[in-house]
Amino acid sequence: MIVYAATKQQFLKDSDNDDIEEVILRHFKEATGKKVGASEIKSWQGSLTYMARVLRDDGLPSDAGLAIELHIPQSSKRIDFLLTGRDEHQAKNAVLIELKQWSKATATSKDAIVKTALGGSQVETIHPSYQVWSYAALLEGFNEAVYDKSIEVRPCAYLHNYVSDGVINSAHYEPYTSKAPLFLKGPAELKKLRNFLKKHIVHGDNKDVLYELSNGKIRPSKALSEALSGLMKGKPEFILIDDQKAIFESALAAASQATIDAPKVLIIEGGPGTGKTVLAINLLVRLTALSLLSKYVSKNAAPRKVYESKLIGTVKRTHFSKESPNKSQDVMKYA
C-alpha cells in the first residue's frame, strides 16, 4: 500500500501550493482510515520540506515516480520516501530514502545500534542505514517484481538536522553506511544526496516502476530459496527421522491442498525433544522453495535463535528474522 504516489513535478506542486504535511495527512486517512499523531505530522512537515529542496534540481527528471509511506506487505514496516525511474543504461531503479529528524546520537558497542532521543528519553535503536538497507533486502528477497522485472533497489538515509560529528558516520557503522549511504545536514551533504539520486534516476518512469514495485507479489526469490536449501544439506541436525518424515509429508500435502477459501490446519502434538522444531524448520525451508508464504512463530525465542544461527551462514540476517517489538513472540520469516 502507498499512502501518497505522484511524480516529482506533482510533489513539488503540492509542496508549493499547500502544506505538504496536510496533503499527506489527507492521503493517509483515505488510504488507512486511521488517525495520525502530532509527532508524525510534524516529522512529515520537517522532512518533506527538506526533500522538496533536494528535488529542486533540473538534473532530476520531472516525471520520476515518487512515493511517501510505502508499506511493505506482511510486515509493519514502511518506507519513508521512494523515488523511481531508470539510470543511464535504462535499468529500472528504486531509491529508498529513510528520513530522520535526529540531531544527535551516541554510539554503542553493539552492531548497527545507536542511542538517541526518542519519545522524551534516550533509547537504543537501529542505525538508519541498517534500517533502510534491511528494507531493501526484504524487497530483494521477497518482492517478485524486484527479482523478476530486474528492479535495482538503492537504499540511503537522510538526517537533515544532524551535523556530521564522527559518531553516526563512524567507522563502526561503515558496514551499513557503505550499503546505504548516509547524508547529513548542510549544503554539501544535500548536494551529495542530489548526486546520488541523479546517478540512479536519469530518466523518469511516470510511476511505472513504482507501481510494479508496489503491486509485486510477495514470495521468496529463487536465489534465496536455493541458498536456504543449500545451507541445510549435510547437516545431521536437520535430518527427519522415522515418523517426523511421515508428518512432514502430511504437512506438505495439506499445504498443497490449502486455498484462501479452504485453509488447512495441522496440529502436531509431542513432548520436549520429539523433534517438533526440526520438523518446523524443514517445513519452513521446503514451503519457501515451493514459493509459498511461510513463517516460523514461537513463544520461546531460544529454539528460534539456535536454528537461526545454524542456518544463517551466507544469507543476510535481515532475510531470516523479524522480532516483534514487544517480544511477546518471535518470528523467523522467509516470506
C-alpha atoms as a PDB file:
ATOM      1  CA  MET A   1       0.000   0.000   0.000  1.00  0.00           C
ATOM      2  CA  ILE A   2       1.187   3.505  -0.858  1.00  0.00           C
ATOM      3  CA  VAL A   3      -0.105   6.495   1.085  1.00  0.00           C
ATOM      4  CA  TYR A   4       0.976   9.098  -1.476  1.00  0.00           C
ATOM      5  CA  ALA A   5       2.068   8.467  -5.071  1.00  0.00           C
ATOM      6  CA  ALA A   6       2.966  11.180  -7.568  1.00  0.00           C
ATOM      7  CA  THR A   7       5.661  12.357  -9.924  1.00  0.00           C
ATOM      8  CA  LYS A   8       8.452  14.630  -8.797  1.00  0.00           C
ATOM      9  CA  GLN A   9       6.707  17.527 -10.550  1.00  0.00           C
ATOM     10  CA  GLN A  10       3.397  16.905  -8.765  1.00  0.00           C
ATOM     11  CA  PHE A  11       5.098  16.550  -5.388  1.00  0.00           C
ATOM     12  CA  LEU A  12       6.804  19.923  -5.818  1.00  0.00           C
ATOM     13  CA  LYS A  13       3.478  21.498  -6.826  1.00  0.00           C
ATOM     14  CA  ASP A  14       1.831  20.045  -3.732  1.00  0.00           C
ATOM     15  CA  SER A  15       4.700  21.377  -1.631  1.00  0.00           C
ATOM     16  CA  ASP A  16       4.420  24.859  -3.159  1.00  0.00           C
ATOM     17  CA  ASN A  17       0.634  25.201  -3.221  1.00  0.00           C
ATOM     18  CA  ASP A  18      -0.292  23.562   0.078  1.00  0.00           C
ATOM     19  CA  ASP A  19       1.143  22.485   3.407  1.00  0.00           C
ATOM     20  CA  ILE A  20       2.708  19.210   2.314  1.00  0.00           C
ATOM     21  CA  GLU A  21       2.047  17.559   5.681  1.00  0.00           C
ATOM     22  CA  GLU A  22      -1.679  18.276   5.259  1.00  0.00           C
ATOM     23  CA  VAL A  23      -1.619  16.737   1.787  1.00  0.00           C
ATOM     24  CA  ILE A  24      -0.004  13.571   3.147  1.00  0.00           C
ATOM     25  CA  LEU A  25      -2.403  13.515   6.091  1.00  0.00           C
ATOM     26  CA  ARG A  26      -5.407  13.541   3.745  1.00  0.00           C
ATOM     27  CA  HIS A  27      -3.927  10.729   1.690  1.00  0.00           C
ATOM     28  CA  PHE A  28      -3.054   8.758   4.828  1.00  0.00           C
ATOM     29  CA  LYS A  29      -6.613   8.947   6.164  1.00  0.00           C
ATOM     30  CA  GLU A  30      -8.046   7.954   2.777  1.00  0.00           C
ATOM     31  CA  ALA A  31      -5.667   5.001   2.458  1.00  0.00           C
ATOM     32  CA  THR A  32      -5.836   3.656   6.010  1.00  0.00           C
ATOM     33  CA  GLY A  33      -8.830   5.218   7.751  1.00  0.00           C
ATOM     34  CA  LYS A  34      -6.584   5.767  10.764  1.00  0.00           C
ATOM     35  CA  LYS A  35      -5.629   8.820  12.778  1.00  0.00           C
ATOM     36  CA  VAL A  36      -2.104  10.225  12.847  1.00  0.00           C
ATOM     37  CA  GLY A  37      -0.261  11.534  15.896  1.00  0.00           C
ATOM     38  CA  ALA A  38       1.006  15.099  16.104  1.00  0.00           C
ATOM     39  CA  SER A  39       4.643  13.945  16.130  1.00  0.00           C
ATOM     40  CA  GLU A  40       4.161  12.067  12.855  1.00  0.00           C
ATOM     41  CA  ILE A  41       2.621  15.114  11.192  1.00  0.00           C
ATOM     42  CA  LYS A  42       5.484  17.263  12.456  1.00  0.00           C
ATOM     43  CA  SER A  43       8.022  14.822  11.018  1.00  0.00           C
ATOM     44  CA  TRP A  44       6.300  14.996   7.616  1.00  0.00           C
ATOM     45  CA  GLN A  45       6.394  18.775   7.756  1.00  0.00           C
ATOM     46  CA  GLY A  46      10.101  18.881   8.537  1.00  0.00           C
ATOM     47  CA  SER A  47      11.475  16.055   6.414  1.00  0.00           C
ATOM     48  CA  LEU A  48       9.328  16.563   3.315  1.00  0.00           C
ATOM     49  CA  THR A  49      10.228  20.256   3.186  1.00  0.00           C
ATOM     50  CA  TYR A  50      13.863  19.194   3.009  1.00  0.00           C
ATOM     51  CA  MET A  51      13.115  16.583   0.355  1.00  0.00           C
ATOM     52  CA  ALA A  52      11.366  19.214  -1.770  1.00  0.00           C
ATOM     53  CA  ARG A  53      14.566  21.253  -1.549  1.00  0.00           C
ATOM     54  CA  VAL A  54      16.645  18.244  -2.610  1.00  0.00           C
ATOM     55  CA  LEU A  55      14.415  17.555  -5.613  1.00  0.00           C
ATOM     56  CA  ARG A  56      14.529  21.128  -6.934  1.00  0.00           C
ATOM     57  CA  ASP A  57      17.168  20.262  -9.481  1.00  0.00           C
ATOM     58  CA  ASP A  58      16.712  20.132 -13.239  1.00  0.00           C
ATOM     59  CA  GLY A  59      19.027  17.135 -13.340  1.00  0.00           C
ATOM     60  CA  LEU A  60      16.285  15.037 -11.775  1.00  0.00           C
ATOM     61  CA  PRO A  61      13.523  14.182 -14.282  1.00  0.00           C
ATOM     62  CA  SER A  62      10.168  15.810 -13.569  1.00  0.00           C
ATOM     63  CA  ASP A  63       8.311  12.570 -14.367  1.00  0.00           C
ATOM     64  CA  ALA A  64      10.276  10.405 -11.928  1.00  0.00           C
ATOM     65  CA  GLY A  65       7.958   8.324  -9.758  1.00  0.00           C
ATOM     66  CA  LEU A  66       7.659   9.319  -6.114  1.00  0.00           C
ATOM     67  CA  ALA A  67       6.031   7.640  -3.128  1.00  0.00           C
ATOM     68  CA  ILE A  68       5.665   8.548   0.524  1.00  0.00           C
ATOM     69  CA  GLU A  69       4.871   5.908   3.150  1.00  0.00           C
ATOM     70  CA  LEU A  70       5.092   2.724   1.092  1.00  0.00           C
ATOM     71  CA  HIS A  71       4.068  -0.146   3.364  1.00  0.00           C
ATOM     72  CA  ILE A  72       5.962  -3.407   2.952  1.00  0.00           C
ATOM     73  CA  PRO A  73       3.419  -6.279   2.801  1.00  0.00           C
ATOM     74  CA  GLN A  74       3.465  -8.959   5.513  1.00  0.00           C
ATOM     75  CA  SER A  75       5.223  -6.578   7.892  1.00  0.00           C
ATOM     76  CA  SER A  76       4.591  -3.435   9.904  1.00  0.00           C
ATOM     77  CA  LYS A  77       7.448  -1.680   8.102  1.00  0.00           C
ATOM     78  CA  ARG A  78       7.062   1.281   5.790  1.00  0.00           C
ATOM     79  CA  ILE A  79       9.465   3.141   3.539  1.00  0.00           C
ATOM     80  CA  ASP A  80       9.500   6.885   4.201  1.00  0.00           C
ATOM     81  CA  PHE A  81      10.328   8.136   0.718  1.00  0.00           C
ATOM     82  CA  LEU A  82      10.825   6.418  -2.622  1.00  0.00           C
ATOM     83  CA  LEU A  83      11.978   7.739  -5.991  1.00  0.00           C
ATOM     84  CA  THR A  84      11.752   5.601  -9.136  1.00  0.00           C
ATOM     85  CA  GLY A  85      12.980   5.812 -12.706  1.00  0.00           C
ATOM     86  CA  ARG A  86      15.757   4.493 -14.935  1.00  0.00           C
ATOM     87  CA  ASP A  87      19.508   5.015 -14.949  1.00  0.00           C
ATOM     88  CA  GLU A  88      21.703   5.973 -17.913  1.00  0.00           C
ATOM     89  CA  HIS A  89      21.575   2.368 -19.185  1.00  0.00           C
ATOM     90  CA  GLN A  90      17.737   2.282 -18.936  1.00  0.00           C
ATOM     91  CA  ALA A  91      17.877  -0.103 -15.977  1.00  0.00           C
ATOM     92  CA  LYS A  92      14.936   0.240 -13.595  1.00  0.00           C
ATOM     93  CA  ASN A  93      15.843   1.805 -10.256  1.00  0.00           C
ATOM     94  CA  ALA A  94      14.053   2.461  -6.978  1.00  0.00           C
ATOM     95  CA  VAL A  95      15.821   4.679  -4.445  1.00  0.00           C
ATOM     96  CA  LEU A  96      14.666   4.153  -0.849  1.00  0.00           C
ATOM     97  CA  ILE A  97      15.231   7.104   1.498  1.00  0.00           C
ATOM     98  CA  GLU A  98      14.933   6.772   5.263  1.00  0.00           C
ATOM     99  CA  LEU A  99      14.215  10.211   6.749  1.00  0.00           C
ATOM    100  CA  LYS A 100      15.143  11.126  10.318  1.00  0.00           C
ATOM    101  CA  GLN A 101      14.683  14.264  12.420  1.00  0.00           C
ATOM    102  CA  TRP A 102      17.629  13.329  14.636  1.00  0.00           C
ATOM    103  CA  SER A 103      20.236  15.958  15.553  1.00  0.00           C
ATOM    104  CA  LYS A 104      22.384  13.859  17.900  1.00  0.00           C
ATOM    105  CA  ALA A 105      23.202  10.217  18.601  1.00  0.00           C
ATOM    106  CA  THR A 106      25.556   8.218  20.781  1.00  0.00           C
ATOM    107  CA  ALA A 107      27.478   5.225  19.515  1.00  0.00           C
ATOM    108  CA  THR A 108      27.185   1.824  21.194  1.00  0.00           C
ATOM    109  CA  SER A 109      29.393  -1.257  21.032  1.00  0.00           C
ATOM    110  CA  LYS A 110      26.502  -3.219  19.524  1.00  0.00           C
ATOM    111  CA  ASP A 111      26.302  -3.975  15.821  1.00  0.00           C
ATOM    112  CA  ALA A 112      24.146  -1.411  13.949  1.00  0.00           C
ATOM    113  CA  ILE A 113      22.762   0.053  17.209  1.00  0.00           C
ATOM    114  CA  VAL A 114      22.864   3.721  18.260  1.00  0.00           C
ATOM    115  CA  LYS A 115      21.333   5.630  21.154  1.00  0.00           C
ATOM    116  CA  THR A 116      19.247   8.734  20.501  1.00  0.00           C
ATOM    117  CA  ALA A 117      16.356  10.753  21.904  1.00  0.00           C
ATOM    118  CA  LEU A 118      13.002   9.152  21.107  1.00  0.00           C
ATOM    119  CA  GLY A 119       9.775   9.800  22.974  1.00  0.00           C
ATOM    120  CA  GLY A 120      11.430  12.055  25.517  1.00  0.00           C
ATOM    121  CA  SER A 121      14.181   9.669  26.602  1.00  0.00           C
ATOM    122  CA  GLN A 122      17.453   8.224  25.347  1.00  0.00           C
ATOM    123  CA  VAL A 123      16.866   4.803  23.825  1.00  0.00           C
ATOM    124  CA  GLU A 124      18.803   2.278  21.786  1.00  0.00           C
ATOM    125  CA  THR A 125      17.574   1.908  18.224  1.00  0.00           C
ATOM    126  CA  ILE A 126      18.680   0.727  14.802  1.00  0.00           C
ATOM    127  CA  HIS A 127      21.129   2.850  12.797  1.00  0.00           C
ATOM    128  CA  PRO A 128      19.199   4.498   9.910  1.00  0.00           C
ATOM    129  CA  SER A 129      21.482   2.984   7.262  1.00  0.00           C
ATOM    130  CA  TYR A 130      20.881  -0.518   8.594  1.00  0.00           C
ATOM    131  CA  GLN A 131      17.164   0.173   8.786  1.00  0.00           C
ATOM    132  CA  VAL A 132      16.776   1.206   5.158  1.00  0.00           C
ATOM    133  CA  TRP A 133      19.228  -1.449   3.949  1.00  0.00           C
ATOM    134  CA  SER A 134      17.116  -4.102   5.686  1.00  0.00           C
ATOM    135  CA  TYR A 135      14.022  -2.792   3.880  1.00  0.00           C
ATOM    136  CA  ALA A 136      15.873  -3.047   0.574  1.00  0.00           C
ATOM    137  CA  ALA A 137      16.916  -6.605   1.433  1.00  0.00           C
ATOM    138  CA  LEU A 138      13.293  -7.532   2.161  1.00  0.00           C
ATOM    139  CA  LEU A 139      12.219  -6.227  -1.233  1.00  0.00           C
ATOM    140  CA  GLU A 140      15.094  -8.002  -2.991  1.00  0.00           C
ATOM    141  CA  GLY A 141      14.336 -11.292  -1.283  1.00  0.00           C
ATOM    142  CA  PHE A 142      10.557 -11.310  -1.328  1.00  0.00           C
ATOM    143  CA  ASN A 143       9.094  -8.887  -3.895  1.00  0.00           C
ATOM    144  CA  GLU A 144       8.517 -10.732  -7.170  1.00  0.00           C
ATOM    145  CA  ALA A 145       8.663  -7.524  -9.215  1.00  0.00           C
ATOM    146  CA  VAL A 146      12.157  -6.750  -7.944  1.00  0.00           C
ATOM    147  CA  TYR A 147      13.767 -10.030  -8.978  1.00  0.00           C
ATOM    148  CA  ASP A 148      11.556 -10.919 -11.976  1.00  0.00           C
ATOM    149  CA  LYS A 149      11.439  -7.453 -13.529  1.00  0.00           C
ATOM    150  CA  SER A 150      15.026  -6.535 -12.635  1.00  0.00           C
ATOM    151  CA  ILE A 151      14.365  -3.529 -10.424  1.00  0.00           C
ATOM    152  CA  GLU A 152      17.534  -2.338  -8.701  1.00  0.00           C
ATOM    153  CA  VAL A 153      16.839  -1.192  -5.135  1.00  0.00           C
ATOM    154  CA  ARG A 154      19.139   1.595  -3.866  1.00  0.00           C
ATOM    155  CA  PRO A 155      18.818   2.433  -0.147  1.00  0.00           C
ATOM    156  CA  CYS A 156      20.075   5.572   1.614  1.00  0.00           C
ATOM    157  CA  ALA A 157      19.327   7.643   4.730  1.00  0.00           C
ATOM    158  CA  TYR A 158      18.931  11.422   5.095  1.00  0.00           C
ATOM    159  CA  LEU A 159      19.347  13.003   8.537  1.00  0.00           C
ATOM    160  CA  HIS A 160      18.769  16.624   7.565  1.00  0.00           C
ATOM    161  CA  ASN A 161      19.110  18.026  11.114  1.00  0.00           C
ATOM    162  CA  TYR A 162      22.274  16.109  12.004  1.00  0.00           C
ATOM    163  CA  VAL A 163      25.635  17.889  11.696  1.00  0.00           C
ATOM    164  CA  SER A 164      28.460  15.444  11.000  1.00  0.00           C
ATOM    165  CA  ASP A 165      30.194  14.561  14.281  1.00  0.00           C
ATOM    166  CA  GLY A 166      32.011  11.332  13.542  1.00  0.00           C
ATOM    167  CA  VAL A 167      29.505   9.336  15.592  1.00  0.00           C
ATOM    168  CA  ILE A 168      26.580   8.441  13.352  1.00  0.00           C
ATOM    169  CA  ASN A 169      29.029   8.198  10.442  1.00  0.00           C
ATOM    170  CA  SER A 170      31.873   6.500  12.348  1.00  0.00           C
ATOM    171  CA  ALA A 171      33.835   3.501  11.062  1.00  0.00           C
ATOM    172  CA  HIS A 172      31.874   1.285  13.473  1.00  0.00           C
ATOM    173  CA  TYR A 173      28.787   1.686  11.274  1.00  0.00           C
ATOM    174  CA  GLU A 174      30.642   1.587   7.939  1.00  0.00           C
ATOM    175  CA  PRO A 175      29.441  -1.963   7.089  1.00  0.00           C
ATOM    176  CA  TYR A 176      25.960  -0.449   6.732  1.00  0.00           C
ATOM    177  CA  THR A 177      26.694   3.107   5.576  1.00  0.00           C
ATOM    178  CA  SER A 178      28.610   1.521   2.692  1.00  0.00           C
ATOM    179  CA  LYS A 179      25.461  -0.384   1.694  1.00  0.00           C
ATOM    180  CA  ALA A 180      23.070   2.515   2.360  1.00  0.00           C
ATOM    181  CA  PRO A 181      24.868   5.890   2.125  1.00  0.00           C
ATOM    182  CA  LEU A 182      24.211   8.365   4.922  1.00  0.00           C
ATOM    183  CA  PHE A 183      23.547  12.037   4.141  1.00  0.00           C
ATOM    184  CA  LEU A 184      23.583  14.668   6.885  1.00  0.00           C
ATOM    185  CA  LYS A 185      22.855  18.373   7.416  1.00  0.00           C
ATOM    186  CA  GLY A 186      24.314  21.121   5.250  1.00  0.00           C
ATOM    187  CA  PRO A 187      24.566  22.219   1.610  1.00  0.00           C
ATOM    188  CA  ALA A 188      27.484  19.908   0.832  1.00  0.00           C
ATOM    189  CA  GLU A 189      25.538  16.887   2.097  1.00  0.00           C
ATOM    190  CA  LEU A 190      22.414  17.991   0.224  1.00  0.00           C
ATOM    191  CA  LYS A 191      24.473  18.136  -2.959  1.00  0.00           C
ATOM    192  CA  LYS A 192      25.822  14.630  -2.308  1.00  0.00           C
ATOM    193  CA  LEU A 193      22.280  13.313  -1.913  1.00  0.00           C
ATOM    194  CA  ARG A 194      21.215  15.014  -5.137  1.00  0.00           C
ATOM    195  CA  ASN A 195      24.150  13.453  -6.967  1.00  0.00           C
ATOM    196  CA  PHE A 196      23.259  10.035  -5.559  1.00  0.00           C
ATOM    197  CA  LEU A 197      19.696  10.427  -6.830  1.00  0.00           C
ATOM    198  CA  LYS A 198      20.803  11.751 -10.218  1.00  0.00           C
ATOM    199  CA  LYS A 199      23.167   8.803 -10.652  1.00  0.00           C
ATOM    200  CA  HIS A 200      20.338   6.284 -10.315  1.00  0.00           C
ATOM    201  CA  ILE A 201      17.373   8.290 -11.636  1.00  0.00           C
ATOM    202  CA  VAL A 202      18.438   9.677 -15.010  1.00  0.00           C
ATOM    203  CA  HIS A 203      15.172   9.070 -16.869  1.00  0.00           C
ATOM    204  CA  GLY A 204      11.648   9.374 -15.483  1.00  0.00           C
ATOM    205  CA  ASP A 205       9.218   6.458 -15.470  1.00  0.00           C
ATOM    206  CA  ASN A 206       5.927   8.302 -14.819  1.00  0.00           C
ATOM    207  CA  LYS A 207       5.434   5.985 -11.802  1.00  0.00           C
ATOM    208  CA  ASP A 208       5.632   2.753 -13.848  1.00  0.00           C
ATOM    209  CA  VAL A 209       8.460   1.252 -11.783  1.00  0.00           C
ATOM    210  CA  LEU A 210       6.779   2.480  -8.624  1.00  0.00           C
ATOM    211  CA  TYR A 211       3.570   0.602  -9.413  1.00  0.00           C
ATOM    212  CA  GLU A 212       5.431  -2.537 -10.481  1.00  0.00           C
ATOM    213  CA  LEU A 213       7.133  -2.495  -7.103  1.00  0.00           C
ATOM    214  CA  SER A 214       4.014  -1.773  -5.061  1.00  0.00           C
ATOM    215  CA  ASN A 215       1.977  -4.428  -6.902  1.00  0.00           C
ATOM    216  CA  GLY A 216       4.667  -7.113  -6.860  1.00  0.00           C
ATOM    217  CA  LYS A 217       3.580 -10.458  -5.405  1.00  0.00           C
ATOM    218  CA  ILE A 218       5.161 -11.362  -2.087  1.00  0.00           C
ATOM    219  CA  ARG A 219       7.047 -14.613  -2.428  1.00  0.00           C
ATOM    220  CA  PRO A 220      10.679 -15.655  -1.828  1.00  0.00           C
ATOM    221  CA  SER A 221      13.145 -15.305  -4.664  1.00  0.00           C
ATOM    222  CA  LYS A 222      14.637 -18.407  -6.274  1.00  0.00           C
ATOM    223  CA  ALA A 223      18.110 -17.327  -5.157  1.00  0.00           C
ATOM    224  CA  LEU A 224      17.031 -17.133  -1.522  1.00  0.00           C
ATOM    225  CA  SER A 225      15.182 -20.452  -1.653  1.00  0.00           C
ATOM    226  CA  GLU A 226      18.228 -22.182  -3.154  1.00  0.00           C
ATOM    227  CA  ALA A 227      20.513 -20.627  -0.550  1.00  0.00           C
ATOM    228  CA  LEU A 228      18.340 -21.872   2.315  1.00  0.00           C
ATOM    229  CA  SER A 229      18.053 -25.368   0.882  1.00  0.00           C
ATOM    230  CA  GLY A 230      21.810 -25.476   0.358  1.00  0.00           C
ATOM    231  CA  LEU A 231      22.514 -24.465   3.936  1.00  0.00           C
ATOM    232  CA  MET A 232      20.560 -27.464   5.258  1.00  0.00           C
ATOM    233  CA  LYS A 233      22.353 -30.061   3.152  1.00  0.00           C
ATOM    234  CA  GLY A 234      24.798 -32.249   5.031  1.00  0.00           C
ATOM    235  CA  LYS A 235      23.693 -31.096   8.489  1.00  0.00           C
ATOM    236  CA  PRO A 236      22.546 -34.101  10.543  1.00  0.00           C
ATOM    237  CA  GLU A 237      20.545 -31.958  12.962  1.00  0.00           C
ATOM    238  CA  PHE A 238      18.091 -31.229  10.121  1.00  0.00           C
ATOM    239  CA  ILE A 239      17.544 -34.837   9.030  1.00  0.00           C
ATOM    240  CA  LEU A 240      14.000 -36.088   9.600  1.00  0.00           C
ATOM    241  CA  ILE A 241      13.785 -39.385  11.500  1.00  0.00           C
ATOM    242  CA  ASP A 242      11.037 -42.013  11.331  1.00  0.00           C
ATOM    243  CA  ASP A 243       7.607 -40.508  11.983  1.00  0.00           C
ATOM    244  CA  GLN A 244       8.990 -36.990  11.522  1.00  0.00           C
ATOM    245  CA  LYS A 245       9.257 -37.746   7.804  1.00  0.00           C
ATOM    246  CA  ALA A 246       5.681 -39.056   7.658  1.00  0.00           C
ATOM    247  CA  ILE A 247       4.337 -35.959   9.398  1.00  0.00           C
ATOM    248  CA  PHE A 248       6.469 -33.757   7.134  1.00  0.00           C
ATOM    249  CA  GLU A 249       4.896 -35.280   4.023  1.00  0.00           C
ATOM    250  CA  SER A 250       1.397 -34.963   5.500  1.00  0.00           C
ATOM    251  CA  ALA A 251       2.034 -31.287   6.176  1.00  0.00           C
ATOM    252  CA  LEU A 252       3.256 -30.734   2.612  1.00  0.00           C
ATOM    253  CA  ALA A 253       0.155 -32.452   1.266  1.00  0.00           C
ATOM    254  CA  ALA A 254      -2.079 -30.246   3.408  1.00  0.00           C
ATOM    255  CA  ALA A 255      -0.247 -27.137   2.228  1.00  0.00           C
ATOM    256  CA  SER A 256      -0.672 -28.125  -1.422  1.00  0.00           C
ATOM    257  CA  GLN A 257      -4.422 -28.561  -0.929  1.00  0.00           C
ATOM    258  CA  ALA A 258      -4.994 -25.368   1.048  1.00  0.00           C
ATOM    259  CA  THR A 259      -6.636 -22.346  -0.552  1.00  0.00           C
ATOM    260  CA  ILE A 260      -7.702 -18.936   0.682  1.00  0.00           C
ATOM    261  CA  ASP A 261     -11.301 -20.147   0.922  1.00  0.00           C
ATOM    262  CA  ALA A 262     -10.389 -23.541   2.376  1.00  0.00           C
ATOM    263  CA  PRO A 263      -7.351 -23.200   4.653  1.00  0.00           C
ATOM    264  CA  LYS A 264      -5.779 -26.242   6.300  1.00  0.00           C
ATOM    265  CA  VAL A 265      -4.671 -26.529   9.932  1.00  0.00           C
ATOM    266  CA  LEU A 266      -2.381 -29.356  11.039  1.00  0.00           C
ATOM    267  CA  ILE A 267      -1.763 -29.719  14.786  1.00  0.00           C
ATOM    268  CA  ILE A 268       1.256 -31.820  15.762  1.00  0.00           C
ATOM    269  CA  GLU A 269       1.487 -32.916  19.388  1.00  0.00           C
ATOM    270  CA  GLY A 270       4.648 -34.055  21.113  1.00  0.00           C
ATOM    271  CA  GLY A 271       6.664 -33.566  24.251  1.00  0.00           C
ATOM    272  CA  PRO A 272      10.065 -31.884  24.612  1.00  0.00           C
ATOM    273  CA  GLY A 273      12.763 -33.422  22.436  1.00  0.00           C
ATOM    274  CA  THR A 274      10.414 -35.126  19.985  1.00  0.00           C
ATOM    275  CA  GLY A 275      11.624 -33.013  17.058  1.00  0.00           C
ATOM    276  CA  LYS A 276       8.791 -30.559  16.552  1.00  0.00           C
ATOM    277  CA  THR A 277      11.187 -27.672  15.931  1.00  0.00           C
ATOM    278  CA  VAL A 278      13.322 -29.661  13.476  1.00  0.00           C
ATOM    279  CA  LEU A 279      10.125 -30.532  11.645  1.00  0.00           C
ATOM    280  CA  ALA A 280       9.024 -26.886  11.610  1.00  0.00           C
ATOM    281  CA  ILE A 281      12.360 -25.687  10.202  1.00  0.00           C
ATOM    282  CA  ASN A 282      12.291 -28.325   7.463  1.00  0.00           C
ATOM    283  CA  LEU A 283       8.751 -27.315   6.544  1.00  0.00           C
ATOM    284  CA  LEU A 284       9.710 -23.646   6.534  1.00  0.00           C
ATOM    285  CA  VAL A 285      12.535 -24.208   4.070  1.00  0.00           C
ATOM    286  CA  ARG A 286      10.582 -26.613   1.835  1.00  0.00           C
ATOM    287  CA  LEU A 287       7.491 -24.391   1.648  1.00  0.00           C
ATOM    288  CA  THR A 288       9.724 -21.440   0.838  1.00  0.00           C
ATOM    289  CA  ALA A 289      11.248 -23.457  -2.007  1.00  0.00           C
ATOM    290  CA  LEU A 290       7.698 -24.005  -3.271  1.00  0.00           C
ATOM    291  CA  SER A 291       7.188 -20.205  -3.349  1.00  0.00           C
ATOM    292  CA  LEU A 292       4.663 -20.333  -0.531  1.00  0.00           C
ATOM    293  CA  LEU A 293       4.455 -17.603   2.096  1.00  0.00           C
ATOM    294  CA  SER A 294       5.968 -19.200   5.193  1.00  0.00           C
ATOM    295  CA  LYS A 295       6.711 -18.175   8.782  1.00  0.00           C
ATOM    296  CA  TYR A 296       8.024 -19.886  11.865  1.00  0.00           C
ATOM    297  CA  VAL A 297       6.462 -18.409  15.010  1.00  0.00           C
ATOM    298  CA  SER A 298       7.315 -19.401  18.569  1.00  0.00           C
ATOM    299  CA  LYS A 299       6.629 -18.026  22.034  1.00  0.00           C
ATOM    300  CA  ASN A 300      10.093 -19.097  23.112  1.00  0.00           C
ATOM    301  CA  ALA A 301      12.950 -17.263  21.390  1.00  0.00           C
ATOM    302  CA  ALA A 302      15.584 -19.839  22.359  1.00  0.00           C
ATOM    303  CA  PRO A 303      14.900 -22.557  19.735  1.00  0.00           C
ATOM    304  CA  ARG A 304      14.367 -19.951  17.042  1.00  0.00           C
ATOM    305  CA  LYS A 305      17.747 -18.380  17.743  1.00  0.00           C
ATOM    306  CA  VAL A 306      19.506 -21.765  17.833  1.00  0.00           C
ATOM    307  CA  TYR A 307      18.245 -22.771  14.404  1.00  0.00           C
ATOM    308  CA  GLU A 308      18.650 -19.274  13.001  1.00  0.00           C
ATOM    309  CA  SER A 309      22.338 -19.387  13.946  1.00  0.00           C
ATOM    310  CA  LYS A 310      22.704 -22.776  12.247  1.00  0.00           C
ATOM    311  CA  LEU A 311      21.061 -21.566   9.056  1.00  0.00           C
ATOM    312  CA  ILE A 312      22.278 -18.001   8.872  1.00  0.00           C
ATOM    313  CA  GLY A 313      25.657 -18.750   7.241  1.00  0.00           C
ATOM    314  CA  THR A 314      25.926 -16.906   3.966  1.00  0.00           C
ATOM    315  CA  VAL A 315      22.398 -15.497   3.934  1.00  0.00           C
ATOM    316  CA  LYS A 316      21.775 -11.970   5.236  1.00  0.00           C
ATOM    317  CA  ARG A 317      20.282 -11.916   8.725  1.00  0.00           C
ATOM    318  CA  THR A 318      17.604  -9.475   7.623  1.00  0.00           C
ATOM    319  CA  HIS A 319      16.319 -12.189   5.250  1.00  0.00           C
ATOM    320  CA  PHE A 320      15.889 -14.520   8.189  1.00  0.00           C
ATOM    321  CA  SER A 321      14.231 -12.915  11.113  1.00  0.00           C
ATOM    322  CA  LYS A 322      11.952 -10.292  12.485  1.00  0.00           C
ATOM    323  CA  GLU A 323      11.474  -9.915  16.212  1.00  0.00           C
ATOM    324  CA  SER A 324       8.196  -8.495  17.445  1.00  0.00           C
ATOM    325  CA  PRO A 325       8.608  -5.095  19.185  1.00  0.00           C
ATOM    326  CA  ASN A 326       7.103  -6.243  22.468  1.00  0.00           C
ATOM    327  CA  LYS A 327       8.962  -9.567  22.392  1.00  0.00           C
ATOM    328  CA  SER A 328       5.696 -11.430  23.008  1.00  0.00           C
ATOM    329  CA  GLN A 329       6.528 -13.734  20.159  1.00  0.00           C
ATOM    330  CA  ASP A 330       9.386 -14.215  17.749  1.00  0.00           C
ATOM    331  CA  VAL A 331       9.102 -14.795  14.053  1.00  0.00           C
ATOM    332  CA  MET A 332      11.700 -16.400  11.816  1.00  0.00           C
ATOM    333  CA  LYS A 333      10.426 -15.281   8.475  1.00  0.00           C
ATOM    334  CA  TYR A 334      11.360 -16.239   4.942  1.00  0.00           C
ATOM    335  CA  ALA A 335       8.451 -14.655   3.132  1.00  0.00           C
END
